[in-house]
């Protein structure tokens, strides 16, 4: 189903992403490993430019369901949905407490919440979304323009 895109669409992409191009393997596969994501043990703070983009259309259909719920403001299937994401792994850019919020992306057949999440940034300003298919081990910047 082709639905209109929502208020979370990024208005400005970091210049490094534009220079690198949005057509690499991670842009076309929702769970492909990201070659340039900083490790949690890195002494330097990661930057948005270090997080590979992924086309929204490459995400699993359950991610679309979660994005639609975020756009509507819920109701969400899990009580943890919408809580502040702490960024303890340090893989997302350092921001003030409360900047990031997390939402579950259902995993078919899983008896638990599973490992897939969408993280929203700047909760009040709706500036962007990140996808993590593996419970915060890697993150992808969701690109709604491809």
C-alpha atoms as a PDB file:
ATOM      1  CA  UNK A   1       0.000   0.000   0.000  1.00  0.00           C
ATOM      2  CA  UNK A   2       1.340   3.389  -0.974  1.00  0.00           C
ATOM      3  CA  UNK A   3       0.536   5.741   1.900  1.00  0.00           C
ATOM      4  CA  UNK A   4       1.554   9.382   2.183  1.00  0.00           C
ATOM      5  CA  UNK A   5       4.751   9.912   4.117  1.00  0.00           C
ATOM      6  CA  UNK A   6       4.562  11.417   7.506  1.00  0.00           C
ATOM      7  CA  UNK A   7       5.867  14.167   9.693  1.00  0.00           C
ATOM      8  CA  UNK A   8       9.101  12.339  10.522  1.00  0.00           C
ATOM      9  CA  UNK A   9      10.606  12.891   7.075  1.00  0.00           C
ATOM     10  CA  UNK A  10      14.037  14.472   7.363  1.00  0.00           C
ATOM     11  CA  UNK A  11      14.218  17.915   5.873  1.00  0.00           C
ATOM     12  CA  UNK A  12      18.011  18.085   5.626  1.00  0.00           C
ATOM     13  CA  UNK A  13      20.405  15.204   5.095  1.00  0.00           C
ATOM     14  CA  UNK A  14      23.943  15.516   6.413  1.00  0.00           C
ATOM     15  CA  UNK A  15      26.316  16.545   3.621  1.00  0.00           C
ATOM     16  CA  UNK A  16      28.443  13.438   4.149  1.00  0.00           C
ATOM     17  CA  UNK A  17      25.475  11.214   3.310  1.00  0.00           C
ATOM     18  CA  UNK A  18      24.777  13.187   0.163  1.00  0.00           C
ATOM     19  CA  UNK A  19      28.417  12.991  -0.897  1.00  0.00           C
ATOM     20  CA  UNK A  20      28.601   9.249  -0.131  1.00  0.00           C
ATOM     21  CA  UNK A  21      25.357   8.654  -2.006  1.00  0.00           C
ATOM     22  CA  UNK A  22      22.249   6.870  -0.842  1.00  0.00           C
ATOM     23  CA  UNK A  23      22.579   3.877  -3.132  1.00  0.00           C
ATOM     24  CA  UNK A  24      24.970   1.649  -1.191  1.00  0.00           C
ATOM     25  CA  UNK A  25      24.001  -1.844  -0.028  1.00  0.00           C
ATOM     26  CA  UNK A  26      22.664  -0.621   3.312  1.00  0.00           C
ATOM     27  CA  UNK A  27      20.311   1.752   1.499  1.00  0.00           C
ATOM     28  CA  UNK A  28      18.580  -1.201  -0.122  1.00  0.00           C
ATOM     29  CA  UNK A  29      18.590  -3.870   2.574  1.00  0.00           C
ATOM     30  CA  UNK A  30      16.944  -3.332   5.941  1.00  0.00           C
ATOM     31  CA  UNK A  31      19.249  -5.666   7.810  1.00  0.00           C
ATOM     32  CA  UNK A  32      22.512  -5.441   5.855  1.00  0.00           C
ATOM     33  CA  UNK A  33      25.531  -4.756   8.046  1.00  0.00           C
ATOM     34  CA  UNK A  34      26.535  -1.119   8.087  1.00  0.00           C
ATOM     35  CA  UNK A  35      30.221  -0.791   7.255  1.00  0.00           C
ATOM     36  CA  UNK A  36      30.689   2.641   8.815  1.00  0.00           C
ATOM     37  CA  UNK A  37      28.812   2.502  12.097  1.00  0.00           C
ATOM     38  CA  UNK A  38      31.018   3.429  15.026  1.00  0.00           C
ATOM     39  CA  UNK A  39      31.535   0.791  17.676  1.00  0.00           C
ATOM     40  CA  UNK A  40      30.325   1.317  21.228  1.00  0.00           C
ATOM     41  CA  UNK A  41      33.914   1.131  22.451  1.00  0.00           C
ATOM     42  CA  UNK A  42      34.991   4.010  20.209  1.00  0.00           C
ATOM     43  CA  UNK A  43      36.437   6.909  22.176  1.00  0.00           C
ATOM     44  CA  UNK A  44      35.118   9.431  19.671  1.00  0.00           C
ATOM     45  CA  UNK A  45      31.448  10.337  19.728  1.00  0.00           C
ATOM     46  CA  UNK A  46      29.592   8.999  16.691  1.00  0.00           C
ATOM     47  CA  UNK A  47      28.011  11.376  14.247  1.00  0.00           C
ATOM     48  CA  UNK A  48      24.903  11.089  12.113  1.00  0.00           C
ATOM     49  CA  UNK A  49      27.191  10.957   9.067  1.00  0.00           C
ATOM     50  CA  UNK A  50      28.704   7.732  10.441  1.00  0.00           C
ATOM     51  CA  UNK A  51      25.283   6.048  10.469  1.00  0.00           C
ATOM     52  CA  UNK A  52      24.381   4.476   7.143  1.00  0.00           C
ATOM     53  CA  UNK A  53      21.030   5.318   5.602  1.00  0.00           C
ATOM     54  CA  UNK A  54      18.395   2.724   4.793  1.00  0.00           C
ATOM     55  CA  UNK A  55      15.472   3.278   2.462  1.00  0.00           C
ATOM     56  CA  UNK A  56      12.178   3.175   4.316  1.00  0.00           C
ATOM     57  CA  UNK A  57      10.872   0.957   1.526  1.00  0.00           C
ATOM     58  CA  UNK A  58      13.535  -1.663   2.384  1.00  0.00           C
ATOM     59  CA  UNK A  59      12.323  -2.069   5.966  1.00  0.00           C
ATOM     60  CA  UNK A  60      10.045  -4.967   6.917  1.00  0.00           C
ATOM     61  CA  UNK A  61       6.304  -4.317   6.674  1.00  0.00           C
ATOM     62  CA  UNK A  62       6.032  -4.389  10.464  1.00  0.00           C
ATOM     63  CA  UNK A  63       8.242  -1.263  10.556  1.00  0.00           C
ATOM     64  CA  UNK A  64       5.665   0.522   8.388  1.00  0.00           C
ATOM     65  CA  UNK A  65       3.009  -0.500  10.913  1.00  0.00           C
ATOM     66  CA  UNK A  66       5.072   0.962  13.765  1.00  0.00           C
ATOM     67  CA  UNK A  67       5.749   4.191  11.852  1.00  0.00           C
ATOM     68  CA  UNK A  68       2.011   4.557  11.191  1.00  0.00           C
ATOM     69  CA  UNK A  69       1.297   4.124  14.914  1.00  0.00           C
ATOM     70  CA  UNK A  70       3.945   6.717  15.778  1.00  0.00           C
ATOM     71  CA  UNK A  71       2.325   9.136  13.334  1.00  0.00           C
ATOM     72  CA  UNK A  72      -1.085   8.564  14.921  1.00  0.00           C
ATOM     73  CA  UNK A  73       0.281   8.816  18.455  1.00  0.00           C
ATOM     74  CA  UNK A  74      -0.695   5.210  19.267  1.00  0.00           C
ATOM     75  CA  UNK A  75      -2.136   3.161  20.734  1.00  0.00           C
ATOM     76  CA  UNK A  76       0.986   1.053  20.929  1.00  0.00           C
ATOM     77  CA  UNK A  77       1.066  -2.710  21.490  1.00  0.00           C
ATOM     78  CA  UNK A  78       3.683  -2.625  24.267  1.00  0.00           C
ATOM     79  CA  UNK A  79       3.817  -0.440  27.387  1.00  0.00           C
ATOM     80  CA  UNK A  80       7.521   0.264  26.716  1.00  0.00           C
ATOM     81  CA  UNK A  81       6.734   1.942  23.389  1.00  0.00           C
ATOM     82  CA  UNK A  82       7.439   5.664  23.490  1.00  0.00           C
ATOM     83  CA  UNK A  83       9.778   5.525  26.483  1.00  0.00           C
ATOM     84  CA  UNK A  84      12.971   7.544  26.448  1.00  0.00           C
ATOM     85  CA  UNK A  85      15.805   5.714  24.702  1.00  0.00           C
ATOM     86  CA  UNK A  86      18.948   6.175  26.781  1.00  0.00           C
ATOM     87  CA  UNK A  87      21.549   5.700  23.986  1.00  0.00           C
ATOM     88  CA  UNK A  88      23.736   3.802  26.474  1.00  0.00           C
ATOM     89  CA  UNK A  89      25.555   2.159  23.570  1.00  0.00           C
ATOM     90  CA  UNK A  90      26.670   5.600  22.403  1.00  0.00           C
ATOM     91  CA  UNK A  91      26.049   4.747  18.747  1.00  0.00           C
ATOM     92  CA  UNK A  92      23.662   7.615  18.115  1.00  0.00           C
ATOM     93  CA  UNK A  93      24.811  11.225  18.382  1.00  0.00           C
ATOM     94  CA  UNK A  94      25.047  12.480  21.950  1.00  0.00           C
ATOM     95  CA  UNK A  95      21.934  14.468  22.792  1.00  0.00           C
ATOM     96  CA  UNK A  96      20.198  15.624  25.989  1.00  0.00           C
ATOM     97  CA  UNK A  97      18.148  13.143  28.017  1.00  0.00           C
ATOM     98  CA  UNK A  98      14.707  12.744  26.465  1.00  0.00           C
ATOM     99  CA  UNK A  99      15.789  13.477  22.885  1.00  0.00           C
ATOM    100  CA  UNK A 100      15.351   9.854  21.710  1.00  0.00           C
ATOM    101  CA  UNK A 101      12.300   7.589  22.118  1.00  0.00           C
ATOM    102  CA  UNK A 102      11.966   3.925  21.191  1.00  0.00           C
ATOM    103  CA  UNK A 103       9.178   1.875  19.641  1.00  0.00           C
ATOM    104  CA  UNK A 104       8.864  -1.866  19.080  1.00  0.00           C
ATOM    105  CA  UNK A 105       8.732  -3.322  15.589  1.00  0.00           C
ATOM    106  CA  UNK A 106       6.948  -6.639  15.956  1.00  0.00           C
ATOM    107  CA  UNK A 107       8.834  -9.762  14.939  1.00  0.00           C
ATOM    108  CA  UNK A 108       6.485 -12.376  13.467  1.00  0.00           C
ATOM    109  CA  UNK A 109       6.484 -15.581  15.500  1.00  0.00           C
ATOM    110  CA  UNK A 110       8.404 -14.075  18.422  1.00  0.00           C
ATOM    111  CA  UNK A 111       6.857 -14.663  21.866  1.00  0.00           C
ATOM    112  CA  UNK A 112       8.577 -11.462  23.111  1.00  0.00           C
ATOM    113  CA  UNK A 113       9.004  -7.935  21.805  1.00  0.00           C
ATOM    114  CA  UNK A 114      11.886  -9.173  19.695  1.00  0.00           C
ATOM    115  CA  UNK A 115      14.983  -7.164  18.837  1.00  0.00           C
ATOM    116  CA  UNK A 116      13.684  -4.707  16.244  1.00  0.00           C
ATOM    117  CA  UNK A 117      13.098  -1.067  17.155  1.00  0.00           C
ATOM    118  CA  UNK A 118      12.535   2.335  15.662  1.00  0.00           C
ATOM    119  CA  UNK A 119      14.152   5.193  17.535  1.00  0.00           C
ATOM    120  CA  UNK A 120      12.772   8.674  17.018  1.00  0.00           C
ATOM    121  CA  UNK A 121      14.937  11.716  17.521  1.00  0.00           C
ATOM    122  CA  UNK A 122      13.916  15.132  18.780  1.00  0.00           C
ATOM    123  CA  UNK A 123      10.583  13.808  19.997  1.00  0.00           C
ATOM    124  CA  UNK A 124       8.966  17.235  20.051  1.00  0.00           C
ATOM    125  CA  UNK A 125      10.343  18.404  16.706  1.00  0.00           C
ATOM    126  CA  UNK A 126       9.975  15.109  14.815  1.00  0.00           C
ATOM    127  CA  UNK A 127      13.273  15.408  12.978  1.00  0.00           C
ATOM    128  CA  UNK A 128      14.181  11.821  12.226  1.00  0.00           C
ATOM    129  CA  UNK A 129      14.038   8.102  12.802  1.00  0.00           C
ATOM    130  CA  UNK A 130      16.572   5.335  13.192  1.00  0.00           C
ATOM    131  CA  UNK A 131      16.098   1.598  12.565  1.00  0.00           C
ATOM    132  CA  UNK A 132      17.827  -1.085  14.612  1.00  0.00           C
ATOM    133  CA  UNK A 133      17.147  -4.678  13.582  1.00  0.00           C
ATOM    134  CA  UNK A 134      19.288  -6.146  16.365  1.00  0.00           C
ATOM    135  CA  UNK A 135      18.461  -4.483  19.693  1.00  0.00           C
ATOM    136  CA  UNK A 136      20.787  -1.489  19.459  1.00  0.00           C
ATOM    137  CA  UNK A 137      23.883  -3.228  18.032  1.00  0.00           C
ATOM    138  CA  UNK A 138      23.601  -1.282  14.776  1.00  0.00           C
ATOM    139  CA  UNK A 139      21.555   1.688  13.657  1.00  0.00           C
ATOM    140  CA  UNK A 140      20.441   2.970  10.266  1.00  0.00           C
ATOM    141  CA  UNK A 141      19.132   6.436   9.488  1.00  0.00           C
ATOM    142  CA  UNK A 142      15.723   5.908   7.847  1.00  0.00           C
ATOM    143  CA  UNK A 143      15.547   7.701   4.496  1.00  0.00           C
ATOM    144  CA  UNK A 144      11.939   8.386   3.479  1.00  0.00           C
ATOM    145  CA  UNK A 145      12.965   9.808   0.101  1.00  0.00           C
ATOM    146  CA  UNK A 146      13.958   6.608  -1.675  1.00  0.00           C
END
